[in-house]
Amino acid sequence: MELPAEGGCLCGEVRYRLLRPPLLVYACHCTRCRRLTGTAFAMATIMETVALEQVSGEPKLLAKDWPDGTQWCIRFCDRCGGQLWSEPPYAPDVRVLRPGTLDEHSGLIPDAHQWLSSALPWLQIPAGARSFDEQLTNEQIIELIQARQARGDEA
């Protein structure tokens, strides 16, 4: 990934710039992400908050408390509804960016796939991909970030 990298919502009202590479790229196959995106899985990139710079527009914040007690906070475009990034309340130094909102994201390959216990049965995970039946734990996320950094991945 060439930096800085830019992205934004579908209508172009909200634009942002990435100043650093992602810490981690992953695909989530949970039913909540599938319903939220309307697709077979959702991709996400864990970014440092300081790596995300607002260029134009002001994304709205939607905060949702789920029945299981987790909280979800996402920034989206009020004009087109495009989801841009999540702001985990338990990790203020992190943003979870939707990589499909980047102008160029073809080089972002998931470091891991989570919630394979919920994955659609026809989906084929690439051979050798790190896979987890449920939610990544904080320890697994740290391990994956360290492995990415050790490889020198910039995308």
C-alpha atoms as a PDB file:
ATOM      1  CA  MET A   1       0.000   0.000   0.000  1.00  0.00           C
ATOM      2  CA  GLU A   2       1.400   3.337  -1.029  1.00  0.00           C
ATOM      3  CA  LEU A   3       1.105   5.952   1.691  1.00  0.00           C
ATOM      4  CA  PRO A   4      -0.508   8.277   2.253  1.00  0.00           C
ATOM      5  CA  ALA A   5      -3.583   6.435   0.991  1.00  0.00           C
ATOM      6  CA  GLU A   6      -6.971   8.067   0.603  1.00  0.00           C
ATOM      7  CA  GLY A   7     -10.516   6.818   0.818  1.00  0.00           C
ATOM      8  CA  GLY A   8     -14.061   7.847   1.520  1.00  0.00           C
ATOM      9  CA  CYS A   9     -17.717   7.051   1.339  1.00  0.00           C
ATOM     10  CA  LEU A  10     -19.665   6.137  -1.801  1.00  0.00           C
ATOM     11  CA  CYS A  11     -20.923   9.663  -2.514  1.00  0.00           C
ATOM     12  CA  GLY A  12     -17.597  11.364  -1.721  1.00  0.00           C
ATOM     13  CA  GLU A  13     -18.998  13.593   1.028  1.00  0.00           C
ATOM     14  CA  VAL A  14     -16.588  12.153   3.620  1.00  0.00           C
ATOM     15  CA  ARG A  15     -12.918  11.690   2.725  1.00  0.00           C
ATOM     16  CA  TYR A  16     -10.008  10.500   4.850  1.00  0.00           C
ATOM     17  CA  ARG A  17      -6.292   9.822   4.522  1.00  0.00           C
ATOM     18  CA  LEU A  18      -4.179   7.022   6.007  1.00  0.00           C
ATOM     19  CA  LEU A  19      -0.740   8.073   7.123  1.00  0.00           C
ATOM     20  CA  ARG A  20       0.504   4.638   8.278  1.00  0.00           C
ATOM     21  CA  PRO A  21      -0.065   1.061   7.138  1.00  0.00           C
ATOM     22  CA  PRO A  22      -2.674  -1.112   8.868  1.00  0.00           C
ATOM     23  CA  LEU A  23      -1.645  -3.005  11.967  1.00  0.00           C
ATOM     24  CA  LEU A  24      -3.819  -5.951  10.904  1.00  0.00           C
ATOM     25  CA  VAL A  25      -6.211  -6.955   8.132  1.00  0.00           C
ATOM     26  CA  TYR A  26      -8.861  -9.581   8.820  1.00  0.00           C
ATOM     27  CA  ALA A  27     -12.101 -11.022   7.519  1.00  0.00           C
ATOM     28  CA  CYS A  28     -15.029 -11.655   9.852  1.00  0.00           C
ATOM     29  CA  HIS A  29     -17.583 -14.329   8.994  1.00  0.00           C
ATOM     30  CA  CYS A  30     -19.954 -13.796  11.943  1.00  0.00           C
ATOM     31  CA  THR A  31     -23.664 -13.496  11.266  1.00  0.00           C
ATOM     32  CA  ARG A  32     -23.729  -9.921  12.623  1.00  0.00           C
ATOM     33  CA  CYS A  33     -21.107  -8.741  10.105  1.00  0.00           C
ATOM     34  CA  ARG A  34     -22.822 -10.594   7.271  1.00  0.00           C
ATOM     35  CA  ARG A  35     -26.148  -8.968   8.093  1.00  0.00           C
ATOM     36  CA  LEU A  36     -24.527  -5.558   8.560  1.00  0.00           C
ATOM     37  CA  THR A  37     -22.729  -5.619   5.207  1.00  0.00           C
ATOM     38  CA  GLY A  38     -25.167  -7.736   3.231  1.00  0.00           C
ATOM     39  CA  THR A  39     -22.279  -9.892   2.020  1.00  0.00           C
ATOM     40  CA  ALA A  40     -20.641 -13.249   2.778  1.00  0.00           C
ATOM     41  CA  PHE A  41     -18.146 -11.680   5.221  1.00  0.00           C
ATOM     42  CA  ALA A  42     -16.785  -8.313   6.285  1.00  0.00           C
ATOM     43  CA  MET A  43     -13.202  -7.146   5.965  1.00  0.00           C
ATOM     44  CA  ALA A  44     -11.581  -4.856   8.484  1.00  0.00           C
ATOM     45  CA  THR A  45      -8.235  -3.208   9.087  1.00  0.00           C
ATOM     46  CA  ILE A  46      -7.031  -2.312  12.539  1.00  0.00           C
ATOM     47  CA  MET A  47      -5.403   1.127  12.390  1.00  0.00           C
ATOM     48  CA  GLU A  48      -3.809   3.438  14.905  1.00  0.00           C
ATOM     49  CA  THR A  49      -6.137   6.389  15.531  1.00  0.00           C
ATOM     50  CA  VAL A  50      -3.290   8.813  14.751  1.00  0.00           C
ATOM     51  CA  ALA A  51      -2.883   7.152  11.337  1.00  0.00           C
ATOM     52  CA  LEU A  52      -6.366   8.268  10.224  1.00  0.00           C
ATOM     53  CA  GLU A  53      -6.697  11.886   9.103  1.00  0.00           C
ATOM     54  CA  GLN A  54     -10.031  13.516   8.252  1.00  0.00           C
ATOM     55  CA  VAL A  55      -9.827  15.298   4.870  1.00  0.00           C
ATOM     56  CA  SER A  56     -13.392  16.474   4.258  1.00  0.00           C
ATOM     57  CA  GLY A  57     -16.929  15.988   5.493  1.00  0.00           C
ATOM     58  CA  GLU A  58     -17.984  15.028   8.982  1.00  0.00           C
ATOM     59  CA  PRO A  59     -18.971  11.394   9.490  1.00  0.00           C
ATOM     60  CA  LYS A  60     -21.813  10.731  11.911  1.00  0.00           C
ATOM     61  CA  LEU A  61     -21.411   8.430  14.895  1.00  0.00           C
ATOM     62  CA  LEU A  62     -23.792   5.561  15.560  1.00  0.00           C
ATOM     63  CA  ALA A  63     -23.411   3.927  18.978  1.00  0.00           C
ATOM     64  CA  LYS A  64     -25.249   0.655  19.573  1.00  0.00           C
ATOM     65  CA  ASP A  65     -25.445  -1.554  22.656  1.00  0.00           C
ATOM     66  CA  TRP A  66     -25.941  -5.184  21.625  1.00  0.00           C
ATOM     67  CA  PRO A  67     -27.950  -7.685  23.715  1.00  0.00           C
ATOM     68  CA  ASP A  68     -24.728  -9.539  24.599  1.00  0.00           C
ATOM     69  CA  GLY A  69     -23.415  -6.416  26.367  1.00  0.00           C
ATOM     70  CA  THR A  70     -20.916  -5.333  23.729  1.00  0.00           C
ATOM     71  CA  GLN A  71     -20.971  -1.802  22.397  1.00  0.00           C
ATOM     72  CA  TRP A  72     -20.436  -0.887  18.785  1.00  0.00           C
ATOM     73  CA  CYS A  73     -19.586   2.628  17.605  1.00  0.00           C
ATOM     74  CA  ILE A  74     -19.288   3.285  13.878  1.00  0.00           C
ATOM     75  CA  ARG A  75     -18.665   6.362  11.754  1.00  0.00           C
ATOM     76  CA  PHE A  76     -20.708   6.628   8.581  1.00  0.00           C
ATOM     77  CA  CYS A  77     -21.688   9.184   5.937  1.00  0.00           C
ATOM     78  CA  ASP A  78     -25.009  10.790   6.763  1.00  0.00           C
ATOM     79  CA  ARG A  79     -25.662  11.432   3.064  1.00  0.00           C
ATOM     80  CA  CYS A  80     -25.089   7.990   1.495  1.00  0.00           C
ATOM     81  CA  GLY A  81     -24.999   5.779   4.605  1.00  0.00           C
ATOM     82  CA  GLY A  82     -21.567   4.363   3.787  1.00  0.00           C
ATOM     83  CA  GLN A  83     -19.785   2.837   6.785  1.00  0.00           C
ATOM     84  CA  LEU A  84     -16.226   4.073   7.140  1.00  0.00           C
ATOM     85  CA  TRP A  85     -14.716   2.915  10.422  1.00  0.00           C
ATOM     86  CA  SER A  86     -15.533   1.686  13.900  1.00  0.00           C
ATOM     87  CA  GLU A  87     -14.297   3.247  17.120  1.00  0.00           C
ATOM     88  CA  PRO A  88     -13.980   0.493  19.736  1.00  0.00           C
ATOM     89  CA  PRO A  89     -14.899   2.076  23.090  1.00  0.00           C
ATOM     90  CA  TYR A  90     -12.395  -0.199  24.867  1.00  0.00           C
ATOM     91  CA  ALA A  91      -9.501   0.856  22.584  1.00  0.00           C
ATOM     92  CA  PRO A  92      -9.465   4.638  21.974  1.00  0.00           C
ATOM     93  CA  ASP A  93      -6.086   4.453  20.195  1.00  0.00           C
ATOM     94  CA  VAL A  94      -7.529   2.161  17.512  1.00  0.00           C
ATOM     95  CA  ARG A  95      -9.870   2.522  14.557  1.00  0.00           C
ATOM     96  CA  VAL A  96     -11.279  -0.450  12.627  1.00  0.00           C
ATOM     97  CA  LEU A  97     -11.428   0.774   9.056  1.00  0.00           C
ATOM     98  CA  ARG A  98     -13.595  -0.758   6.325  1.00  0.00           C
ATOM     99  CA  PRO A  99     -10.891  -1.348   3.680  1.00  0.00           C
ATOM    100  CA  GLY A 100     -13.368  -1.288   0.803  1.00  0.00           C
ATOM    101  CA  THR A 101     -13.686   2.463   1.404  1.00  0.00           C
ATOM    102  CA  LEU A 102     -10.052   3.004   0.362  1.00  0.00           C
ATOM    103  CA  ASP A 103      -9.568   4.274  -3.188  1.00  0.00           C
ATOM    104  CA  GLU A 104      -7.084   1.427  -3.746  1.00  0.00           C
ATOM    105  CA  HIS A 105      -7.408  -1.690  -1.612  1.00  0.00           C
ATOM    106  CA  SER A 106      -6.624  -4.592  -3.915  1.00  0.00           C
ATOM    107  CA  GLY A 107      -3.376  -5.383  -2.062  1.00  0.00           C
ATOM    108  CA  LEU A 108      -5.036  -5.809   1.339  1.00  0.00           C
ATOM    109  CA  ILE A 109      -5.064  -9.538   1.979  1.00  0.00           C
ATOM    110  CA  PRO A 110      -6.466 -10.769   5.301  1.00  0.00           C
ATOM    111  CA  ASP A 111      -3.921 -11.825   7.888  1.00  0.00           C
ATOM    112  CA  ALA A 112      -6.675 -13.895   9.500  1.00  0.00           C
ATOM    113  CA  HIS A 113     -10.273 -15.082   9.178  1.00  0.00           C
ATOM    114  CA  GLN A 114     -12.441 -15.134  12.308  1.00  0.00           C
ATOM    115  CA  TRP A 115     -15.809 -16.698  13.159  1.00  0.00           C
ATOM    116  CA  LEU A 116     -15.368 -19.587  10.718  1.00  0.00           C
ATOM    117  CA  SER A 117     -17.893 -21.473  12.858  1.00  0.00           C
ATOM    118  CA  SER A 118     -20.487 -19.146  11.250  1.00  0.00           C
ATOM    119  CA  ALA A 119     -18.990 -18.983   7.755  1.00  0.00           C
ATOM    120  CA  LEU A 120     -21.158 -19.834   4.791  1.00  0.00           C
ATOM    121  CA  PRO A 121     -20.543 -23.479   3.836  1.00  0.00           C
ATOM    122  CA  TRP A 122     -19.611 -22.722   0.223  1.00  0.00           C
ATOM    123  CA  LEU A 123     -16.902 -20.227   1.171  1.00  0.00           C
ATOM    124  CA  GLN A 124     -13.326 -21.403   0.556  1.00  0.00           C
ATOM    125  CA  ILE A 125     -10.669 -19.960   2.844  1.00  0.00           C
ATOM    126  CA  PRO A 126      -7.278 -19.726   1.102  1.00  0.00           C
ATOM    127  CA  ALA A 127      -4.876 -22.527   1.983  1.00  0.00           C
ATOM    128  CA  GLY A 128      -2.509 -21.508   4.747  1.00  0.00           C
ATOM    129  CA  ALA A 129      -4.657 -18.595   5.950  1.00  0.00           C
ATOM    130  CA  ARG A 130      -4.764 -18.129   9.719  1.00  0.00           C
ATOM    131  CA  SER A 131      -8.292 -19.136  10.720  1.00  0.00           C
ATOM    132  CA  PHE A 132     -10.222 -18.971  13.964  1.00  0.00           C
ATOM    133  CA  ASP A 133     -13.603 -20.520  14.778  1.00  0.00           C
ATOM    134  CA  GLU A 134     -14.684 -17.565  16.918  1.00  0.00           C
ATOM    135  CA  GLN A 135     -13.767 -13.972  17.783  1.00  0.00           C
ATOM    136  CA  LEU A 136     -10.076 -13.165  17.863  1.00  0.00           C
ATOM    137  CA  THR A 137      -8.856 -12.671  21.412  1.00  0.00           C
ATOM    138  CA  ASN A 138      -6.690  -9.699  22.340  1.00  0.00           C
ATOM    139  CA  GLU A 139      -3.729 -12.073  22.642  1.00  0.00           C
ATOM    140  CA  GLN A 140      -4.327 -13.471  19.145  1.00  0.00           C
ATOM    141  CA  ILE A 141      -4.650  -9.940  17.721  1.00  0.00           C
ATOM    142  CA  ILE A 142      -1.324  -8.956  19.294  1.00  0.00           C
ATOM    143  CA  GLU A 143       0.305 -12.131  17.946  1.00  0.00           C
ATOM    144  CA  LEU A 144      -1.039 -11.449  14.437  1.00  0.00           C
ATOM    145  CA  ILE A 145       0.113  -7.813  14.539  1.00  0.00           C
ATOM    146  CA  GLN A 146       3.579  -8.899  15.649  1.00  0.00           C
ATOM    147  CA  ALA A 147       3.727 -11.505  12.863  1.00  0.00           C
ATOM    148  CA  ARG A 148       2.695  -8.880  10.290  1.00  0.00           C
ATOM    149  CA  GLN A 149       5.366  -6.489  11.567  1.00  0.00           C
ATOM    150  CA  ALA A 150       7.998  -9.250  11.540  1.00  0.00           C
ATOM    151  CA  ARG A 151       7.147  -9.959   7.874  1.00  0.00           C
ATOM    152  CA  GLY A 152       7.484  -6.242   7.123  1.00  0.00           C
ATOM    153  CA  ASP A 153       4.009  -6.099   5.553  1.00  0.00           C
ATOM    154  CA  GLU A 154       3.194  -2.559   4.476  1.00  0.00           C
ATOM    155  CA  ALA A 155      -0.147  -3.330   2.849  1.00  0.00           C
END
